[in-house]
Structures are given as structure tokens and as C-alpha cells.
Amino acid sequence: MAAPLDDVVVLEIDNWMAAPSAGAVLADMGARVIKIEPISGDPMRGMSRPVKGDRFDEVFKDYDFQFDVDNRGKESIAVALDQPEGRHGAEKLSDPPDAQQAPASRLPVAASSPTIGA
């Protein structure tokens, strides 16, 4: 069965929690979501609290559930958007994307593309 957003490509240029969770919902609905992170990575990586209690195997003690839930179903790439080469590379990922999720000041693609988020 086809998902509602099967043919939609979203470039996601954001970090932390709120905006990435919106991108995860779009991915759940079938969109191809490409998360563009800074070269240093999303600051949210590795910031979740460790799993506590005796109910969990040792393998889960260092698992980053919070980051993975908010970034499920996405492709991810680190790009230096502050460099011309990085911006050009981001533009080529989807020329133009069906939607963008980013602050307007950080959008690497044409302003005529539809935008999700602020």
C-alpha cells in the first residue's frame, strides 16, 4: 500500500528535538527525508539520559533512544553549509526539493521551493 508522501523529498536542516520530530513524522508518512547536519553533527547526538534500572540488558545502557526516535526513517549527511561547496552540494541533493524544513536564514536551496517550518 502506498504511503501519502511516497514521492515527496524533504531537506531537513535543523537540530535538537522539536523540528527533527516533525521530519520523523513526514518520514513515517513515506517522505524521503534527508537530514543535513553540521560537520560536527547534530548537537542532540549522545545527549539523552542513560537507561536506568535492572530491566535492560547492558547493550541498551548507552543507546540513544531520544535521538533515534526523533530521527527515525531519515537519511543523514554532514555538510558545511557555511562554505560555498557545502551549500552547492546541499542544493544538488534534491534540485529543488518538494519541501524544506529549516530556518529561512539557513536554507541552501532556491527560495521558490515550498518550505515547512520556520
N, C-alpha and C. Protein backbone atom coordinates (compact mmCIF):
# COMPACT_ATOMS: atom_id res chain seq x y z
N MET A 1 0.84 -1.18 0.00
CA MET A 1 0.00 0.00 0.00
C MET A 1 0.89 1.25 0.00
N ALA A 2 0.56 2.17 -0.84
CA ALA A 2 1.35 3.40 -0.94
C ALA A 2 1.09 4.31 0.26
N ALA A 3 2.15 4.97 0.70
CA ALA A 3 2.02 5.95 1.78
C ALA A 3 1.70 7.31 1.17
N PRO A 4 1.07 8.22 1.93
CA PRO A 4 0.65 9.51 1.38
C PRO A 4 1.77 10.38 0.82
N LEU A 5 2.98 10.26 1.36
CA LEU A 5 4.09 11.12 0.92
C LEU A 5 5.18 10.33 0.20
N ASP A 6 4.83 9.20 -0.41
CA ASP A 6 5.82 8.34 -1.06
C ASP A 6 6.73 9.05 -2.06
N ASP A 7 6.25 10.00 -2.80
CA ASP A 7 7.05 10.66 -3.84
C ASP A 7 7.58 12.02 -3.42
N VAL A 8 7.57 12.32 -2.12
CA VAL A 8 7.99 13.63 -1.62
C VAL A 8 9.41 13.54 -1.05
N VAL A 9 10.24 14.54 -1.41
CA VAL A 9 11.60 14.64 -0.86
C VAL A 9 11.66 15.89 0.02
N VAL A 10 12.15 15.72 1.24
CA VAL A 10 12.27 16.82 2.21
C VAL A 10 13.72 16.97 2.59
N LEU A 11 14.25 18.20 2.47
CA LEU A 11 15.57 18.51 3.02
C LEU A 11 15.35 19.09 4.40
N GLU A 12 15.93 18.46 5.40
CA GLU A 12 15.76 18.91 6.78
C GLU A 12 17.08 19.49 7.27
N ILE A 13 17.06 20.78 7.56
CA ILE A 13 18.26 21.46 8.08
C ILE A 13 17.88 22.02 9.44
N ASP A 14 18.06 21.22 10.44
CA ASP A 14 17.69 21.62 11.80
C ASP A 14 18.40 20.70 12.77
N ASN A 15 18.15 20.90 14.05
CA ASN A 15 18.76 20.04 15.05
C ASN A 15 17.97 20.10 16.34
N TRP A 16 18.48 19.48 17.36
CA TRP A 16 17.86 19.31 18.67
C TRP A 16 16.65 18.42 18.55
N MET A 17 15.49 18.79 19.11
CA MET A 17 14.38 17.84 19.17
C MET A 17 13.13 18.23 18.39
N ALA A 18 12.60 19.39 18.58
CA ALA A 18 11.26 19.71 18.07
C ALA A 18 11.16 19.58 16.55
N ALA A 19 12.01 20.25 15.84
CA ALA A 19 11.93 20.20 14.37
C ALA A 19 12.26 18.81 13.82
N PRO A 20 13.30 18.11 14.33
CA PRO A 20 13.54 16.76 13.83
C PRO A 20 12.37 15.80 14.06
N SER A 21 11.61 16.02 15.12
CA SER A 21 10.47 15.13 15.34
C SER A 21 9.42 15.33 14.25
N ALA A 22 9.28 16.55 13.73
CA ALA A 22 8.35 16.79 12.62
C ALA A 22 8.82 16.06 11.36
N GLY A 23 10.13 16.09 11.10
CA GLY A 23 10.68 15.36 9.96
C GLY A 23 10.47 13.86 10.09
N ALA A 24 10.53 13.35 11.32
CA ALA A 24 10.30 11.92 11.54
C ALA A 24 8.86 11.55 11.17
N VAL A 25 7.92 12.42 11.48
CA VAL A 25 6.52 12.15 11.13
C VAL A 25 6.37 12.14 9.61
N LEU A 26 7.04 13.06 8.91
CA LEU A 26 6.99 13.06 7.44
C LEU A 26 7.58 11.76 6.88
N ALA A 27 8.67 11.29 7.49
CA ALA A 27 9.26 10.02 7.07
C ALA A 27 8.30 8.86 7.35
N ASP A 28 7.62 8.91 8.49
CA ASP A 28 6.63 7.88 8.80
C ASP A 28 5.55 7.82 7.73
N MET A 29 5.25 8.96 7.13
CA MET A 29 4.20 9.05 6.11
C MET A 29 4.73 8.75 4.71
N GLY A 30 6.00 8.35 4.60
CA GLY A 30 6.55 7.90 3.34
C GLY A 30 7.51 8.84 2.65
N ALA A 31 7.69 10.05 3.16
CA ALA A 31 8.60 11.01 2.52
C ALA A 31 10.05 10.54 2.65
N ARG A 32 10.85 10.86 1.66
CA ARG A 32 12.30 10.67 1.76
C ARG A 32 12.82 11.93 2.44
N VAL A 33 13.27 11.80 3.68
CA VAL A 33 13.76 12.93 4.47
C VAL A 33 15.27 12.85 4.53
N ILE A 34 15.94 13.89 4.04
CA ILE A 34 17.39 13.96 4.07
C ILE A 34 17.77 15.00 5.12
N LYS A 35 18.33 14.54 6.22
CA LYS A 35 18.74 15.43 7.32
C LYS A 35 20.15 15.94 7.03
N ILE A 36 20.29 17.24 6.95
CA ILE A 36 21.59 17.86 6.73
C ILE A 36 22.08 18.39 8.07
N GLU A 37 23.18 17.82 8.54
CA GLU A 37 23.74 18.20 9.84
C GLU A 37 25.02 18.98 9.63
N PRO A 38 25.41 19.80 10.63
CA PRO A 38 26.72 20.44 10.55
C PRO A 38 27.82 19.38 10.60
N ILE A 39 29.01 19.75 10.18
CA ILE A 39 30.14 18.80 10.18
C ILE A 39 30.33 18.17 11.57
N SER A 40 30.08 18.92 12.60
CA SER A 40 30.24 18.40 13.96
C SER A 40 29.09 17.48 14.37
N GLY A 41 28.05 17.38 13.55
CA GLY A 41 26.89 16.54 13.86
C GLY A 41 25.82 17.30 14.62
N ASP A 42 24.65 16.73 14.69
CA ASP A 42 23.55 17.32 15.45
C ASP A 42 23.95 17.34 16.92
N PRO A 43 23.84 18.51 17.58
CA PRO A 43 24.23 18.57 18.99
C PRO A 43 23.43 17.63 19.89
N MET A 44 22.29 17.17 19.42
CA MET A 44 21.45 16.28 20.21
C MET A 44 22.02 14.86 20.31
N ARG A 45 22.91 14.51 19.37
CA ARG A 45 23.50 13.16 19.41
C ARG A 45 24.21 12.93 20.74
N GLY A 46 23.88 11.84 21.37
CA GLY A 46 24.56 11.46 22.61
C GLY A 46 24.14 12.23 23.84
N MET A 47 23.09 13.05 23.76
CA MET A 47 22.70 13.85 24.91
C MET A 47 21.55 13.25 25.72
N SER A 48 21.01 12.13 25.28
CA SER A 48 19.89 11.57 26.03
C SER A 48 20.39 10.96 27.34
N ARG A 49 19.48 10.85 28.26
CA ARG A 49 19.83 10.26 29.55
C ARG A 49 20.03 8.76 29.39
N PRO A 50 20.96 8.18 30.11
CA PRO A 50 21.17 6.74 30.01
C PRO A 50 19.97 5.97 30.56
N VAL A 51 19.77 4.79 30.02
CA VAL A 51 18.71 3.91 30.50
C VAL A 51 19.08 3.45 31.91
N LYS A 52 18.10 3.50 32.81
CA LYS A 52 18.37 3.10 34.19
C LYS A 52 17.54 1.88 34.56
N GLY A 53 18.01 1.16 35.50
CA GLY A 53 17.26 0.02 36.01
C GLY A 53 17.87 -1.30 35.59
N ASP A 54 17.43 -2.33 36.28
CA ASP A 54 17.95 -3.67 36.03
C ASP A 54 17.17 -4.40 34.95
N ARG A 55 16.12 -3.78 34.41
CA ARG A 55 15.28 -4.45 33.42
C ARG A 55 15.93 -4.51 32.04
N PHE A 56 16.99 -3.75 31.81
CA PHE A 56 17.58 -3.64 30.49
C PHE A 56 18.92 -4.36 30.42
N ASP A 57 19.16 -4.98 29.29
CA ASP A 57 20.46 -5.60 29.05
C ASP A 57 21.52 -4.53 28.99
N GLU A 58 22.73 -4.91 29.22
CA GLU A 58 23.87 -3.98 29.18
C GLU A 58 23.99 -3.29 27.82
N VAL A 59 23.58 -3.96 26.74
CA VAL A 59 23.71 -3.39 25.39
C VAL A 59 22.88 -2.11 25.24
N PHE A 60 21.81 -1.96 26.02
CA PHE A 60 20.95 -0.79 25.91
C PHE A 60 21.39 0.38 26.79
N LYS A 61 22.34 0.17 27.65
CA LYS A 61 22.74 1.22 28.60
C LYS A 61 23.24 2.49 27.91
N ASP A 62 23.89 2.36 26.75
CA ASP A 62 24.44 3.52 26.05
C ASP A 62 23.64 3.87 24.79
N TYR A 63 22.49 3.27 24.61
CA TYR A 63 21.68 3.52 23.41
C TYR A 63 21.01 4.89 23.50
N ASP A 64 21.02 5.63 22.41
CA ASP A 64 20.47 6.99 22.40
C ASP A 64 19.04 6.96 21.87
N PHE A 65 18.10 6.54 22.70
CA PHE A 65 16.71 6.41 22.28
C PHE A 65 16.12 7.74 21.82
N GLN A 66 16.37 8.80 22.55
CA GLN A 66 15.77 10.10 22.23
C GLN A 66 16.18 10.57 20.83
N PHE A 67 17.45 10.50 20.50
CA PHE A 67 17.90 10.93 19.17
C PHE A 67 17.30 10.04 18.09
N ASP A 68 17.32 8.75 18.32
CA ASP A 68 16.84 7.82 17.30
C ASP A 68 15.34 7.95 17.05
N VAL A 69 14.57 8.22 18.07
CA VAL A 69 13.12 8.39 17.88
C VAL A 69 12.85 9.62 17.04
N ASP A 70 13.53 10.73 17.31
CA ASP A 70 13.29 11.97 16.57
C ASP A 70 13.90 11.97 15.17
N ASN A 71 14.76 11.02 14.88
CA ASN A 71 15.43 11.00 13.56
C ASN A 71 15.21 9.68 12.83
N ARG A 72 14.18 8.97 13.21
CA ARG A 72 13.87 7.68 12.57
C ARG A 72 13.48 7.88 11.11
N GLY A 73 13.87 6.93 10.29
CA GLY A 73 13.44 6.92 8.91
C GLY A 73 14.12 7.93 7.99
N LYS A 74 15.19 8.57 8.45
CA LYS A 74 15.84 9.62 7.67
C LYS A 74 17.19 9.16 7.14
N GLU A 75 17.60 9.80 6.07
CA GLU A 75 18.99 9.72 5.63
C GLU A 75 19.69 10.92 6.26
N SER A 76 20.96 10.81 6.54
CA SER A 76 21.66 11.90 7.19
C SER A 76 23.02 12.12 6.55
N ILE A 77 23.38 13.38 6.40
CA ILE A 77 24.67 13.73 5.84
C ILE A 77 25.18 14.99 6.55
N ALA A 78 26.49 15.04 6.81
CA ALA A 78 27.10 16.22 7.42
C ALA A 78 27.62 17.12 6.30
N VAL A 79 27.22 18.39 6.33
CA VAL A 79 27.58 19.34 5.28
C VAL A 79 27.98 20.67 5.92
N ALA A 80 29.05 21.28 5.41
CA ALA A 80 29.47 22.60 5.88
C ALA A 80 28.69 23.66 5.09
N LEU A 81 27.51 24.02 5.58
CA LEU A 81 26.67 24.99 4.87
C LEU A 81 27.25 26.39 4.87
N ASP A 82 28.24 26.64 5.72
CA ASP A 82 28.88 27.95 5.74
C ASP A 82 29.95 28.08 4.64
N GLN A 83 30.17 27.01 3.89
CA GLN A 83 31.14 27.02 2.79
C GLN A 83 30.39 26.91 1.46
N PRO A 84 30.83 27.63 0.42
CA PRO A 84 30.15 27.56 -0.88
C PRO A 84 30.01 26.14 -1.41
N GLU A 85 31.04 25.32 -1.23
CA GLU A 85 30.98 23.95 -1.72
C GLU A 85 29.91 23.14 -1.00
N GLY A 86 29.80 23.39 0.30
CA GLY A 86 28.78 22.69 1.09
C GLY A 86 27.38 23.08 0.68
N ARG A 87 27.15 24.37 0.49
CA ARG A 87 25.83 24.84 0.06
C ARG A 87 25.49 24.28 -1.32
N HIS A 88 26.47 24.26 -2.21
CA HIS A 88 26.24 23.73 -3.56
C HIS A 88 25.89 22.24 -3.49
N GLY A 89 26.61 21.51 -2.65
CA GLY A 89 26.32 20.08 -2.50
C GLY A 89 24.92 19.83 -1.95
N ALA A 90 24.51 20.65 -0.99
CA ALA A 90 23.16 20.51 -0.43
C ALA A 90 22.10 20.80 -1.49
N GLU A 91 22.36 21.78 -2.32
CA GLU A 91 21.42 22.11 -3.39
C GLU A 91 21.23 20.93 -4.34
N LYS A 92 22.29 20.18 -4.58
CA LYS A 92 22.25 19.07 -5.52
C LYS A 92 21.54 17.83 -4.96
N LEU A 93 21.35 17.76 -3.65
CA LEU A 93 20.68 16.60 -3.07
C LEU A 93 19.27 16.42 -3.61
N SER A 94 18.60 17.51 -3.81
CA SER A 94 17.26 17.48 -4.39
C SER A 94 17.05 18.83 -5.05
N ASP A 95 16.96 18.84 -6.34
CA ASP A 95 17.00 20.10 -7.07
C ASP A 95 15.72 20.37 -7.83
N PRO A 96 14.77 21.10 -7.31
CA PRO A 96 14.57 21.53 -5.92
C PRO A 96 13.84 20.44 -5.14
N PRO A 97 13.90 20.48 -3.83
CA PRO A 97 13.16 19.51 -3.03
C PRO A 97 11.67 19.83 -3.09
N ASP A 98 10.86 18.87 -2.72
CA ASP A 98 9.43 19.12 -2.63
C ASP A 98 9.11 20.00 -1.43
N ALA A 99 9.91 19.89 -0.38
CA ALA A 99 9.71 20.69 0.82
C ALA A 99 11.04 20.85 1.54
N GLN A 100 11.13 21.90 2.33
CA GLN A 100 12.32 22.15 3.14
C GLN A 100 11.86 22.40 4.56
N GLN A 101 12.64 21.95 5.52
CA GLN A 101 12.34 22.20 6.91
C GLN A 101 13.59 22.81 7.51
N ALA A 102 13.59 24.13 7.65
CA ALA A 102 14.77 24.82 8.16
C ALA A 102 14.41 26.27 8.45
N PRO A 103 15.20 26.91 9.31
CA PRO A 103 15.05 28.36 9.45
C PRO A 103 15.37 29.02 8.11
N ALA A 104 14.63 30.02 7.73
CA ALA A 104 14.80 30.65 6.42
C ALA A 104 16.23 31.11 6.18
N SER A 105 16.93 31.54 7.21
CA SER A 105 18.30 32.04 7.03
C SER A 105 19.28 30.93 6.71
N ARG A 106 18.89 29.66 6.90
CA ARG A 106 19.81 28.55 6.68
C ARG A 106 19.46 27.73 5.45
N LEU A 107 18.45 28.13 4.69
CA LEU A 107 18.04 27.34 3.54
C LEU A 107 19.09 27.41 2.43
N PRO A 108 19.55 26.25 1.95
CA PRO A 108 20.57 26.27 0.91
C PRO A 108 20.01 26.25 -0.49
N VAL A 109 18.71 26.08 -0.66
CA VAL A 109 18.15 25.96 -1.99
C VAL A 109 17.26 27.15 -2.32
N ALA A 110 16.79 27.18 -3.54
CA ALA A 110 16.04 28.34 -4.03
C ALA A 110 14.88 28.69 -3.13
N ALA A 111 14.68 29.97 -2.94
CA ALA A 111 13.61 30.44 -2.06
C ALA A 111 12.23 30.14 -2.64
N SER A 112 12.18 29.78 -3.92
CA SER A 112 10.88 29.48 -4.53
C SER A 112 10.37 28.10 -4.14
N SER A 113 11.21 27.28 -3.51
CA SER A 113 10.75 25.95 -3.09
C SER A 113 9.81 26.09 -1.91
N PRO A 114 8.79 25.22 -1.83
CA PRO A 114 7.91 25.27 -0.66
C PRO A 114 8.70 25.01 0.61
N THR A 115 8.29 25.61 1.70
CA THR A 115 9.02 25.48 2.95
C THR A 115 8.08 24.98 4.05
N ILE A 116 8.55 24.04 4.85
CA ILE A 116 7.84 23.58 6.03
C ILE A 116 8.65 24.05 7.21
N GLY A 117 8.02 24.60 8.20
CA GLY A 117 8.72 25.05 9.38
C GLY A 117 9.08 26.53 9.26
N ALA A 118 9.78 27.00 10.29
CA ALA A 118 10.17 28.40 10.29
C ALA A 118 11.55 28.56 10.84
